[in-house]
PDB file of N, CA and C in Angstrom:
ATOM      1  N   MET A   1      60.259 -11.355 -49.816  1.00  0.00           N
ATOM      2  CA  MET A   1      58.529 -10.612 -49.527  1.00  0.00           C
ATOM      3  C   MET A   1      58.418 -10.645 -47.622  1.00  0.00           C
ATOM      4  N   LYS A   2      59.058 -11.673 -47.027  1.00  0.00           N
ATOM      5  CA  LYS A   2      59.030 -11.761 -45.586  1.00  0.00           C
ATOM      6  C   LYS A   2      59.808 -10.489 -45.161  1.00  0.00           C
ATOM      7  N   THR A   3      60.779 -10.219 -45.627  1.00  0.00           N
ATOM      8  CA  THR A   3      61.636  -9.104 -45.032  1.00  0.00           C
ATOM      9  C   THR A   3      60.871  -7.619 -45.006  1.00  0.00           C
ATOM     10  N   TRP A   4      60.308  -7.170 -45.938  1.00  0.00           N
ATOM     11  CA  TRP A   4      59.430  -5.798 -46.174  1.00  0.00           C
ATOM     12  C   TRP A   4      58.540  -5.956 -45.028  1.00  0.00           C
ATOM     13  N   LEU A   5      58.088  -7.087 -45.067  1.00  0.00           N
ATOM     14  CA  LEU A   5      56.540  -7.125 -44.073  1.00  0.00           C
ATOM     15  C   LEU A   5      56.838  -6.509 -42.649  1.00  0.00           C
ATOM     16  N   PHE A   6      58.577  -7.499 -42.392  1.00  0.00           N
ATOM     17  CA  PHE A   6      59.320  -7.337 -41.228  1.00  0.00           C
ATOM     18  C   PHE A   6      59.230  -6.200 -41.070  1.00  0.00           C
ATOM     19  N   ALA A   7      59.781  -5.286 -41.995  1.00  0.00           N
ATOM     20  CA  ALA A   7      60.590  -4.004 -42.035  1.00  0.00           C
ATOM     21  C   ALA A   7      59.001  -2.961 -41.857  1.00  0.00           C
ATOM     22  N   GLY A   8      58.017  -3.094 -42.105  1.00  0.00           N
ATOM     23  CA  GLY A   8      57.164  -2.263 -41.943  1.00  0.00           C
ATOM     24  C   GLY A   8      56.300  -2.874 -40.693  1.00  0.00           C
ATOM     25  N   LEU A   9      56.050  -3.866 -40.288  1.00  0.00           N
ATOM     26  CA  LEU A   9      55.821  -3.971 -39.010  1.00  0.00           C
ATOM     27  C   LEU A   9      56.997  -2.992 -37.686  1.00  0.00           C
ATOM     28  N   LEU A  10      57.818  -3.598 -38.095  1.00  0.00           N
ATOM     29  CA  LEU A  10      59.229  -2.649 -36.769  1.00  0.00           C
ATOM     30  C   LEU A  10      59.042  -1.694 -37.393  1.00  0.00           C
ATOM     31  N   ALA A  11      58.558  -0.824 -38.357  1.00  0.00           N
ATOM     32  CA  ALA A  11      58.707   0.572 -38.098  1.00  0.00           C
ATOM     33  C   ALA A  11      57.047   0.898 -37.725  1.00  0.00           C
ATOM     34  N   LEU A  12      56.385   0.574 -38.086  1.00  0.00           N
ATOM     35  CA  LEU A  12      54.789   0.824 -37.154  1.00  0.00           C
ATOM     36  C   LEU A  12      54.998   0.817 -35.697  1.00  0.00           C
ATOM     37  N   ALA A  13      55.704  -0.690 -35.434  1.00  0.00           N
ATOM     38  CA  ALA A  13      56.066  -0.323 -33.943  1.00  0.00           C
ATOM     39  C   ALA A  13      56.443   1.051 -33.155  1.00  0.00           C
ATOM     40  N   VAL A  14      57.634   0.920 -33.717  1.00  0.00           N
ATOM     41  CA  VAL A  14      58.284   1.864 -33.804  1.00  0.00           C
ATOM     42  C   VAL A  14      57.737   3.620 -33.422  1.00  0.00           C
ATOM     43  N   ALA A  15      56.570   3.619 -34.670  1.00  0.00           N
ATOM     44  CA  ALA A  15      55.785   4.721 -34.610  1.00  0.00           C
ATOM     45  C   ALA A  15      54.621   4.544 -33.760  1.00  0.00           C
ATOM     46  N   MET A  16      54.027   3.859 -33.301  1.00  0.00           N
ATOM     47  CA  MET A  16      53.224   2.982 -31.991  1.00  0.00           C
ATOM     48  C   MET A  16      53.934   3.349 -30.882  1.00  0.00           C
ATOM     49  N   PHE A  17      54.877   3.371 -30.866  1.00  0.00           N
ATOM     50  CA  PHE A  17      55.540   3.201 -29.429  1.00  0.00           C
ATOM     51  C   PHE A  17      56.157   5.131 -28.862  1.00  0.00           C
ATOM     52  N   ALA A  18      56.161   5.494 -30.017  1.00  0.00           N
ATOM     53  CA  ALA A  18      56.716   6.889 -30.080  1.00  0.00           C
ATOM     54  C   ALA A  18      55.709   7.693 -29.341  1.00  0.00           C
ATOM     55  N   PHE A  19      54.094   7.423 -30.588  1.00  0.00           N
ATOM     56  CA  PHE A  19      53.287   8.151 -30.247  1.00  0.00           C
ATOM     57  C   PHE A  19      52.773   8.105 -28.779  1.00  0.00           C
ATOM     58  N   GLN A  20      52.429   9.663 -28.251  1.00  0.00           N
ATOM     59  CA  GLN A  20      52.278   9.363 -26.724  1.00  0.00           C
ATOM     60  C   GLN A  20      50.643  10.014 -26.985  1.00  0.00           C
ATOM     61  N   ALA A  21      49.745   9.375 -26.207  1.00  0.00           N
ATOM     62  CA  ALA A  21      48.760  10.442 -25.836  1.00  0.00           C
ATOM     63  C   ALA A  21      48.613  11.491 -25.224  1.00  0.00           C
ATOM     64  N   LEU A  22      48.155  13.083 -25.647  1.00  0.00           N
ATOM     65  CA  LEU A  22      48.042  13.973 -25.108  1.00  0.00           C
ATOM     66  C   LEU A  22      46.934  14.183 -24.071  1.00  0.00           C
ATOM     67  N   PRO A  23      47.663  14.658 -22.726  1.00  0.00           N
ATOM     68  CA  PRO A  23      46.858  14.853 -21.973  1.00  0.00           C
ATOM     69  C   PRO A  23      45.633  16.028 -22.109  1.00  0.00           C
ATOM     70  N   ARG A  24      44.680  16.399 -21.281  1.00  0.00           N
ATOM     71  CA  ARG A  24      43.324  16.889 -22.158  1.00  0.00           C
ATOM     72  C   ARG A  24      42.660  17.507 -20.465  1.00  0.00           C
ATOM     73  N   CYS A  25      42.835  18.074 -20.499  1.00  0.00           N
ATOM     74  CA  CYS A  25      41.482  18.434 -19.051  1.00  0.00           C
ATOM     75  C   CYS A  25      40.237  19.413 -19.789  1.00  0.00           C
ATOM     76  N   THR A  26      39.007  18.790 -19.467  1.00  0.00           N
ATOM     77  CA  THR A  26      37.972  19.128 -19.505  1.00  0.00           C
ATOM     78  C   THR A  26      37.062  20.008 -18.178  1.00  0.00           C
ATOM     79  N   ALA A  27      37.454  19.295 -17.127  1.00  0.00           N
ATOM     80  CA  ALA A  27      36.664  20.885 -16.254  1.00  0.00           C
ATOM     81  C   ALA A  27      37.824  20.483 -14.722  1.00  0.00           C
ATOM     82  N   VAL A  28      37.468  21.126 -14.088  1.00  0.00           N
ATOM     83  CA  VAL A  28      38.153  21.899 -12.622  1.00  0.00           C
ATOM     84  C   VAL A  28      36.621  21.958 -12.093  1.00  0.00           C
ATOM     85  N   GLU A  29      37.157  21.011 -10.628  1.00  0.00           N
ATOM     86  CA  GLU A  29      36.339  21.278  -9.734  1.00  0.00           C
ATOM     87  C   GLU A  29      36.334  21.361  -8.705  1.00  0.00           C
ATOM     88  N   PRO A  30      35.659  22.288  -7.319  1.00  0.00           N
ATOM     89  CA  PRO A  30      35.480  23.619  -7.847  1.00  0.00           C
ATOM     90  C   PRO A  30      36.037  24.413  -8.809  1.00  0.00           C
ATOM     91  N   ASP A  31      35.622  25.477  -9.576  1.00  0.00           N
ATOM     92  CA  ASP A  31      35.915  26.373 -10.807  1.00  0.00           C
ATOM     93  C   ASP A  31      36.751  27.615  -9.699  1.00  0.00           C
ATOM     94  N   SER A  32      36.082  27.465  -8.798  1.00  0.00           N
ATOM     95  CA  SER A  32      36.564  28.640  -7.643  1.00  0.00           C
ATOM     96  C   SER A  32      37.155  28.047  -6.594  1.00  0.00           C
ATOM     97  N   ALA A  33      38.690  28.594  -6.096  1.00  0.00           N
ATOM     98  CA  ALA A  33      39.227  28.434  -4.663  1.00  0.00           C
ATOM     99  C   ALA A  33      39.342  29.032  -3.847  1.00  0.00           C
ATOM    100  N   LYS A  34      40.330  29.021  -3.181  1.00  0.00           N
ATOM    101  CA  LYS A  34      41.445  30.060  -2.253  1.00  0.00           C
ATOM    102  C   LYS A  34      42.440  29.168  -1.961  1.00  0.00           C
ATOM    103  N   VAL A  35      43.631  29.981  -1.697  1.00  0.00           N
ATOM    104  CA  VAL A  35      45.127  29.120  -1.487  1.00  0.00           C
ATOM    105  C   VAL A  35      44.932  27.887  -0.318  1.00  0.00           C
ATOM    106  N   GLY A  36      45.150  26.861  -0.867  1.00  0.00           N
ATOM    107  CA  GLY A  36      45.154  25.590   0.026  1.00  0.00           C
ATOM    108  C   GLY A  36      44.450  25.043  -0.255  1.00  0.00           C
ATOM    109  N   ASP A  37      43.115  25.430  -0.982  1.00  0.00           N
ATOM    110  CA  ASP A  37      42.287  24.294  -1.124  1.00  0.00           C
ATOM    111  C   ASP A  37      42.535  23.631  -2.415  1.00  0.00           C
ATOM    112  N   GLU A  38      41.568  21.649  -2.172  1.00  0.00           N
ATOM    113  CA  GLU A  38      41.891  20.998  -2.951  1.00  0.00           C
ATOM    114  C   GLU A  38      41.511  20.915  -4.420  1.00  0.00           C
ATOM    115  N   ILE A  39      41.767  20.969  -5.263  1.00  0.00           N
ATOM    116  CA  ILE A  39      40.868  20.786  -6.902  1.00  0.00           C
ATOM    117  C   ILE A  39      41.065  19.395  -7.278  1.00  0.00           C
ATOM    118  N   SER A  40      40.252  19.316  -8.100  1.00  0.00           N
ATOM    119  CA  SER A  40      40.263  17.917  -9.089  1.00  0.00           C
ATOM    120  C   SER A  40      40.002  18.283 -10.375  1.00  0.00           C
ATOM    121  N   ALA A  41      41.073  18.160 -11.208  1.00  0.00           N
ATOM    122  CA  ALA A  41      40.855  18.498 -12.373  1.00  0.00           C
ATOM    123  C   ALA A  41      40.579  17.172 -13.305  1.00  0.00           C
ATOM    124  N   LYS A  42      39.495  17.037 -14.434  1.00  0.00           N
ATOM    125  CA  LYS A  42      38.950  15.638 -14.670  1.00  0.00           C
ATOM    126  C   LYS A  42      39.280  15.836 -16.628  1.00  0.00           C
ATOM    127  N   GLY A  43      39.753  14.570 -16.694  1.00  0.00           N
ATOM    128  CA  GLY A  43      39.598  15.119 -18.222  1.00  0.00           C
ATOM    129  C   GLY A  43      40.032  12.967 -18.924  1.00  0.00           C
ATOM    130  N   GLU A  44      41.072  13.475 -19.840  1.00  0.00           N
ATOM    131  CA  GLU A  44      41.783  11.925 -20.189  1.00  0.00           C
ATOM    132  C   GLU A  44      42.933  11.813 -20.032  1.00  0.00           C
ATOM    133  N   ASN A  45      43.777  11.100 -20.428  1.00  0.00           N
ATOM    134  CA  ASN A  45      45.504  10.916 -20.450  1.00  0.00           C
ATOM    135  C   ASN A  45      45.940  11.678 -19.733  1.00  0.00           C
ATOM    136  N   LEU A  46      45.542  11.906 -18.287  1.00  0.00           N
ATOM    137  CA  LEU A  46      46.229  12.278 -17.561  1.00  0.00           C
ATOM    138  C   LEU A  46      47.441  11.787 -16.500  1.00  0.00           C
ATOM    139  N   ASN A  47      47.669  10.891 -16.799  1.00  0.00           N
ATOM    140  CA  ASN A  47      48.954   9.828 -16.030  1.00  0.00           C
ATOM    141  C   ASN A  47      49.929  10.023 -16.105  1.00  0.00           C
ATOM    142  N   LYS A  48      50.578   9.390 -15.402  1.00  0.00           N
ATOM    143  CA  LYS A  48      52.376   9.536 -15.119  1.00  0.00           C
ATOM    144  C   LYS A  48      52.661   9.440 -16.841  1.00  0.00           C
ATOM    145  N   ALA A  49      52.088   8.324 -17.072  1.00  0.00           N
ATOM    146  CA  ALA A  49      52.806   8.108 -18.545  1.00  0.00           C
ATOM    147  C   ALA A  49      52.929   9.411 -19.718  1.00  0.00           C
ATOM    148  N   SER A  50      51.533  10.304 -19.544  1.00  0.00           N
ATOM    149  CA  SER A  50      51.097  11.155 -20.583  1.00  0.00           C
ATOM    150  C   SER A  50      51.532  12.737 -20.052  1.00  0.00           C
ATOM    151  N   MET A  51      51.377  12.643 -18.917  1.00  0.00           N
ATOM    152  CA  MET A  51      52.008  13.615 -17.898  1.00  0.00           C
ATOM    153  C   MET A  51      52.429  14.086 -16.637  1.00  0.00           C
ATOM    154  N   ALA A  52      53.961  14.933 -17.257  1.00  0.00           N
ATOM    155  CA  ALA A  52      54.923  14.808 -16.056  1.00  0.00           C
ATOM    156  C   ALA A  52      54.956  15.789 -15.334  1.00  0.00           C
ATOM    157  N   GLU A  53      54.377  17.418 -15.561  1.00  0.00           N
ATOM    158  CA  GLU A  53      53.879  18.167 -14.292  1.00  0.00           C
ATOM    159  C   GLU A  53      52.588  19.033 -14.720  1.00  0.00           C
ATOM    160  N   LEU A  54      52.246  19.788 -13.843  1.00  0.00           N
ATOM    161  CA  LEU A  54      50.957  20.551 -14.030  1.00  0.00           C
ATOM    162  C   LEU A  54      51.389  22.028 -13.149  1.00  0.00           C
ATOM    163  N   TYR A  55      50.901  23.039 -13.872  1.00  0.00           N
ATOM    164  CA  TYR A  55      50.780  24.489 -14.021  1.00  0.00           C
ATOM    165  C   TYR A  55      49.789  24.667 -13.971  1.00  0.00           C
ATOM    166  N   LEU A  56      49.654  26.106 -13.125  1.00  0.00           N
ATOM    167  CA  LEU A  56      48.630  27.189 -13.203  1.00  0.00           C
ATOM    168  C   LEU A  56      49.078  28.230 -14.048  1.00  0.00           C
ATOM    169  N   THR A  57      48.647  28.678 -14.692  1.00  0.00           N
ATOM    170  CA  THR A  57      49.089  30.044 -15.744  1.00  0.00           C
ATOM    171  C   THR A  57      48.266  30.979 -16.001  1.00  0.00           C
ATOM    172  N   ASP A  58      48.712  32.252 -16.053  1.00  0.00           N
ATOM    173  CA  ASP A  58      47.518  33.411 -15.706  1.00  0.00           C
ATOM    174  C   ASP A  58      48.622  34.186 -17.437  1.00  0.00           C
ATOM    175  N   GLY A  59      48.880  32.931 -18.383  1.00  0.00           N
ATOM    176  CA  GLY A  59      49.375  33.663 -19.516  1.00  0.00           C
ATOM    177  C   GLY A  59      50.679  34.514 -19.438  1.00  0.00           C
ATOM    178  N   SER A  60      51.652  34.819 -18.202  1.00  0.00           N
ATOM    179  CA  SER A  60      52.802  35.369 -18.459  1.00  0.00           C
ATOM    180  C   SER A  60      53.335  34.851 -17.575  1.00  0.00           C
ATOM    181  N   LYS A  61      52.848  34.131 -16.319  1.00  0.00           N
ATOM    182  CA  LYS A  61      53.552  33.496 -15.210  1.00  0.00           C
ATOM    183  C   LYS A  61      52.925  32.124 -14.936  1.00  0.00           C
ATOM    184  N   ASP A  62      53.833  30.972 -15.028  1.00  0.00           N
ATOM    185  CA  ASP A  62      53.518  29.908 -14.603  1.00  0.00           C
ATOM    186  C   ASP A  62      53.902  29.456 -13.317  1.00  0.00           C
ATOM    187  N   THR A  63      52.955  28.774 -12.434  1.00  0.00           N
ATOM    188  CA  THR A  63      53.084  28.495 -11.241  1.00  0.00           C
ATOM    189  C   THR A  63      53.019  26.954 -11.062  1.00  0.00           C
ATOM    190  N   LYS A  64      54.272  25.949 -10.825  1.00  0.00           N
ATOM    191  CA  LYS A  64      53.980  24.963 -10.593  1.00  0.00           C
ATOM    192  C   LYS A  64      52.760  24.000  -9.329  1.00  0.00           C
ATOM    193  N   VAL A  65      52.281  23.002  -9.624  1.00  0.00           N
ATOM    194  CA  VAL A  65      51.622  22.973  -8.418  1.00  0.00           C
ATOM    195  C   VAL A  65      51.657  21.546  -7.981  1.00  0.00           C
ATOM    196  N   ALA A  66      51.773  21.290  -6.796  1.00  0.00           N
ATOM    197  CA  ALA A  66      51.848  19.410  -6.174  1.00  0.00           C
ATOM    198  C   ALA A  66      50.969  18.998  -6.513  1.00  0.00           C
ATOM    199  N   ILE A  67      51.405  17.865  -7.123  1.00  0.00           N
ATOM    200  CA  ILE A  67      49.769  16.982  -7.773  1.00  0.00           C
ATOM    201  C   ILE A  67      49.941  15.589  -6.333  1.00  0.00           C
ATOM    202  N   SER A  68      48.328  15.974  -5.993  1.00  0.00           N
ATOM    203  CA  SER A  68      48.244  14.794  -4.491  1.00  0.00           C
ATOM    204  C   SER A  68      48.055  13.312  -4.747  1.00  0.00           C
ATOM    205  N   ALA A  69      47.384  13.131  -6.473  1.00  0.00           N
ATOM    206  CA  ALA A  69      47.068  12.222  -6.959  1.00  0.00           C
ATOM    207  C   ALA A  69      46.936  12.254  -8.090  1.00  0.00           C
ATOM    208  N   GLN A  70      46.862  11.290  -9.016  1.00  0.00           N
ATOM    209  CA  GLN A  70      47.151  11.328 -10.294  1.00  0.00           C
ATOM    210  C   GLN A  70      46.647   9.750 -10.827  1.00  0.00           C
ATOM    211  N   SER A  71      45.088   9.713 -11.812  1.00  0.00           N
ATOM    212  CA  SER A  71      44.876   8.845 -12.755  1.00  0.00           C
ATOM    213  C   SER A  71      44.857   9.303 -14.036  1.00  0.00           C
ATOM    214  N   ASP A  72      44.201   8.384 -14.669  1.00  0.00           N
ATOM    215  CA  ASP A  72      44.284   8.439 -16.488  1.00  0.00           C
ATOM    216  C   ASP A  72      43.422   9.809 -16.367  1.00  0.00           C
ATOM    217  N   THR A  73      42.040   9.533 -15.323  1.00  0.00           N
ATOM    218  CA  THR A  73      41.021  10.680 -15.792  1.00  0.00           C
ATOM    219  C   THR A  73      41.129  11.588 -15.075  1.00  0.00           C
ATOM    220  N   GLU A  74      41.742  12.019 -13.490  1.00  0.00           N
ATOM    221  CA  GLU A  74      41.446  12.824 -12.828  1.00  0.00           C
ATOM    222  C   GLU A  74      43.067  12.774 -12.010  1.00  0.00           C
ATOM    223  N   ILE A  75      42.929  14.217 -11.691  1.00  0.00           N
ATOM    224  CA  ILE A  75      44.165  14.812 -10.857  1.00  0.00           C
ATOM    225  C   ILE A  75      43.758  15.311  -9.880  1.00  0.00           C
ATOM    226  N   LYS A  76      44.388  15.409  -8.683  1.00  0.00           N
ATOM    227  CA  LYS A  76      44.026  16.027  -7.045  1.00  0.00           C
ATOM    228  C   LYS A  76      45.245  17.124  -7.032  1.00  0.00           C
ATOM    229  N   PHE A  77      45.044  18.649  -6.783  1.00  0.00           N
ATOM    230  CA  PHE A  77      46.129  19.096  -6.237  1.00  0.00           C
ATOM    231  C   PHE A  77      45.652  20.455  -5.552  1.00  0.00           C
ATOM    232  N   LYS A  78      46.242  20.644  -4.364  1.00  0.00           N
ATOM    233  CA  LYS A  78      46.318  22.338  -3.955  1.00  0.00           C
ATOM    234  C   LYS A  78      46.801  22.999  -4.370  1.00  0.00           C
ATOM    235  N   VAL A  79      45.718  24.189  -4.116  1.00  0.00           N
ATOM    236  CA  VAL A  79      46.214  25.743  -4.714  1.00  0.00           C
ATOM    237  C   VAL A  79      47.088  26.310  -4.097  1.00  0.00           C
ATOM    238  N   PRO A  80      48.557  26.223  -4.441  1.00  0.00           N
ATOM    239  CA  PRO A  80      49.769  26.877  -4.359  1.00  0.00           C
ATOM    240  C   PRO A  80      49.457  28.515  -3.739  1.00  0.00           C
ATOM    241  N   GLN A  81      50.328  29.071  -3.042  1.00  0.00           N
ATOM    242  CA  GLN A  81      50.452  30.557  -2.745  1.00  0.00           C
ATOM    243  C   GLN A  81      50.840  31.154  -3.486  1.00  0.00           C
ATOM    244  N   ILE A  82      49.425  31.756  -4.480  1.00  0.00           N
ATOM    245  CA  ILE A  82      49.212  32.666  -5.666  1.00  0.00           C
ATOM    246  C   ILE A  82      48.332  33.516  -5.511  1.00  0.00           C
ATOM    247  N   LYS A  83      48.871  34.679  -6.322  1.00  0.00           N
ATOM    248  CA  LYS A  83      47.201  36.148  -6.375  1.00  0.00           C
ATOM    249  C   LYS A  83      46.657  35.262  -6.964  1.00  0.00           C
ATOM    250  N   ALA A  84      45.277  36.255  -6.445  1.00  0.00           N
ATOM    251  CA  ALA A  84      44.234  36.365  -6.653  1.00  0.00           C
ATOM    252  C   ALA A  84      43.583  36.402  -8.470  1.00  0.00           C
ATOM    253  N   GLY A  85      43.375  35.839  -9.071  1.00  0.00           N
ATOM    254  CA  GLY A  85      43.038  35.918 -10.539  1.00  0.00           C
ATOM    255  C   GLY A  85      42.490  34.451 -11.009  1.00  0.00           C
ATOM    256  N   ARG A  86      42.823  34.716 -12.734  1.00  0.00           N
ATOM    257  CA  ARG A  86      42.050  33.647 -13.257  1.00  0.00           C
ATOM    258  C   ARG A  86      43.299  32.616 -13.689  1.00  0.00           C
ATOM    259  N   TYR A  87      43.390  31.538 -13.835  1.00  0.00           N
ATOM    260  CA  TYR A  87      43.950  30.827 -14.189  1.00  0.00           C
ATOM    261  C   TYR A  87      43.879  29.847 -15.424  1.00  0.00           C
ATOM    262  N   HIS A  88      44.589  29.051 -16.085  1.00  0.00           N
ATOM    263  CA  HIS A  88      44.460  28.139 -16.705  1.00  0.00           C
ATOM    264  C   HIS A  88      45.626  27.061 -16.414  1.00  0.00           C
ATOM    265  N   LEU A  89      44.951  25.715 -16.719  1.00  0.00           N
ATOM    266  CA  LEU A  89      45.869  24.848 -16.192  1.00  0.00           C
ATOM    267  C   LEU A  89      46.357  24.746 -17.131  1.00  0.00           C
ATOM    268  N   ALA A  90      48.237  24.176 -17.163  1.00  0.00           N
ATOM    269  CA  ALA A  90      49.216  23.977 -18.358  1.00  0.00           C
ATOM    270  C   ALA A  90      49.709  22.888 -18.200  1.00  0.00           C
ATOM    271  N   MET A  91      49.568  21.720 -18.981  1.00  0.00           N
ATOM    272  CA  MET A  91      50.426  20.535 -18.457  1.00  0.00           C
ATOM    273  C   MET A  91      51.894  20.304 -19.440  1.00  0.00           C
ATOM    274  N   LEU A  92      52.694  19.750 -18.568  1.00  0.00           N
ATOM    275  CA  LEU A  92      54.059  19.673 -19.333  1.00  0.00           C
ATOM    276  C   LEU A  92      54.211  17.700 -19.513  1.00  0.00           C
ATOM    277  N   THR A  93      53.957  17.509 -21.108  1.00  0.00           N
ATOM    278  CA  THR A  93      53.786  16.313 -21.325  1.00  0.00           C
ATOM    279  C   THR A  93      54.863  15.692 -20.977  1.00  0.00           C
ATOM    280  N   ALA A  94      54.775  14.110 -20.615  1.00  0.00           N
ATOM    281  CA  ALA A  94      55.959  13.009 -19.878  1.00  0.00           C
ATOM    282  C   ALA A  94      56.754  13.290 -20.678  1.00  0.00           C
ATOM    283  N   ASN A  95      57.249  13.420 -22.178  1.00  0.00           N
ATOM    284  CA  ASN A  95      58.377  13.598 -22.413  1.00  0.00           C
ATOM    285  C   ASN A  95      59.173  14.955 -22.246  1.00  0.00           C
ATOM    286  N   ARG A  96      58.768  15.719 -21.855  1.00  0.00           N
ATOM    287  CA  ARG A  96      58.644  17.273 -21.690  1.00  0.00           C
ATOM    288  C   ARG A  96      58.830  17.899 -22.684  1.00  0.00           C
ATOM    289  N   SER A  97      58.284  17.235 -24.125  1.00  0.00           N
ATOM    290  CA  SER A  97      58.666  18.550 -25.142  1.00  0.00           C
ATOM    291  C   SER A  97      57.152  19.012 -25.335  1.00  0.00           C
ATOM    292  N   SER A  98      56.013  19.357 -24.704  1.00  0.00           N
ATOM    293  CA  SER A  98      55.341  20.359 -25.158  1.00  0.00           C
ATOM    294  C   SER A  98      54.519  20.712 -24.004  1.00  0.00           C
ATOM    295  N   MET A  99      54.286  21.892 -23.577  1.00  0.00           N
ATOM    296  CA  MET A  99      53.317  22.790 -22.749  1.00  0.00           C
ATOM    297  C   MET A  99      52.426  22.788 -23.285  1.00  0.00           C
ATOM    298  N   ILE A 100      51.697  22.080 -22.890  1.00  0.00           N
ATOM    299  CA  ILE A 100      49.874  22.502 -23.190  1.00  0.00           C
ATOM    300  C   ILE A 100      48.740  22.920 -22.646  1.00  0.00           C
ATOM    301  N   GLU A 101      48.576  24.570 -22.790  1.00  0.00           N
ATOM    302  CA  GLU A 101      47.618  24.851 -21.851  1.00  0.00           C
ATOM    303  C   GLU A 101      46.063  24.670 -22.204  1.00  0.00           C
ATOM    304  N   GLN A 102      45.703  24.331 -20.973  1.00  0.00           N
ATOM    305  CA  GLN A 102      43.983  23.775 -21.265  1.00  0.00           C
ATOM    306  C   GLN A 102      43.061  24.739 -21.338  1.00  0.00           C
ATOM    307  N   PRO A 103      41.859  24.149 -21.891  1.00  0.00           N
ATOM    308  CA  PRO A 103      41.069  25.380 -22.246  1.00  0.00           C
ATOM    309  C   PRO A 103      40.045  25.850 -20.827  1.00  0.00           C
ATOM    310  N   VAL A 104      40.169  24.730 -19.650  1.00  0.00           N
ATOM    311  CA  VAL A 104      39.339  25.446 -18.207  1.00  0.00           C
ATOM    312  C   VAL A 104      40.313  26.359 -17.394  1.00  0.00           C
ATOM    313  N   VAL A 105      39.571  27.095 -16.562  1.00  0.00           N
ATOM    314  CA  VAL A 105      40.311  28.021 -15.624  1.00  0.00           C
ATOM    315  C   VAL A 105      39.776  27.567 -14.677  1.00  0.00           C
ATOM    316  N   LEU A 106      40.647  28.169 -13.315  1.00  0.00           N
ATOM    317  CA  LEU A 106      40.193  28.005 -11.995  1.00  0.00           C
ATOM    318  C   LEU A 106      40.774  29.729 -11.877  1.00  0.00           C
ATOM    319  N   THR A 107      39.516  29.647 -10.655  1.00  0.00           N
ATOM    320  CA  THR A 107      39.613  31.478 -10.278  1.00  0.00           C
ATOM    321  C   THR A 107      39.842  31.528  -9.157  1.00  0.00           C
ATOM    322  N   VAL A 108      41.050  31.940  -8.450  1.00  0.00           N
ATOM    323  CA  VAL A 108      41.949  31.204  -7.253  1.00  0.00           C
ATOM    324  C   VAL A 108      40.917  33.057  -6.441  1.00  0.00           C
ATOM    325  N   GLU A 109      40.712  32.889  -5.492  1.00  0.00           N
ATOM    326  CA  GLU A 109      40.217  34.281  -4.497  1.00  0.00           C
ATOM    327  C   GLU A 109      40.948  34.830  -3.696  1.00  0.00           C
TER     328      GLU A 109
END
């Protein structure tokens, strides 16, 4: 009886370890900026344990941005050299298995 309990607990521990909280962005401030401006993206699970890289995407081209500060609820970055337009944020998960496009939009002037 103890063997199946141990096996069950071990399986649960492995499943919980394998589960990764997905990053989710709910807002960018400001929502309109110029190249070089600092942007704050807010949400949840934005820390390094959940998210490896941040991109701006126009749907056809992804541009990696340099993150200057990162916490569980906020990421700060500067707008890279990129053409004017509307961009969604896209986040590469920490285990590099998924690129998740976020519902927020940044307009680059």
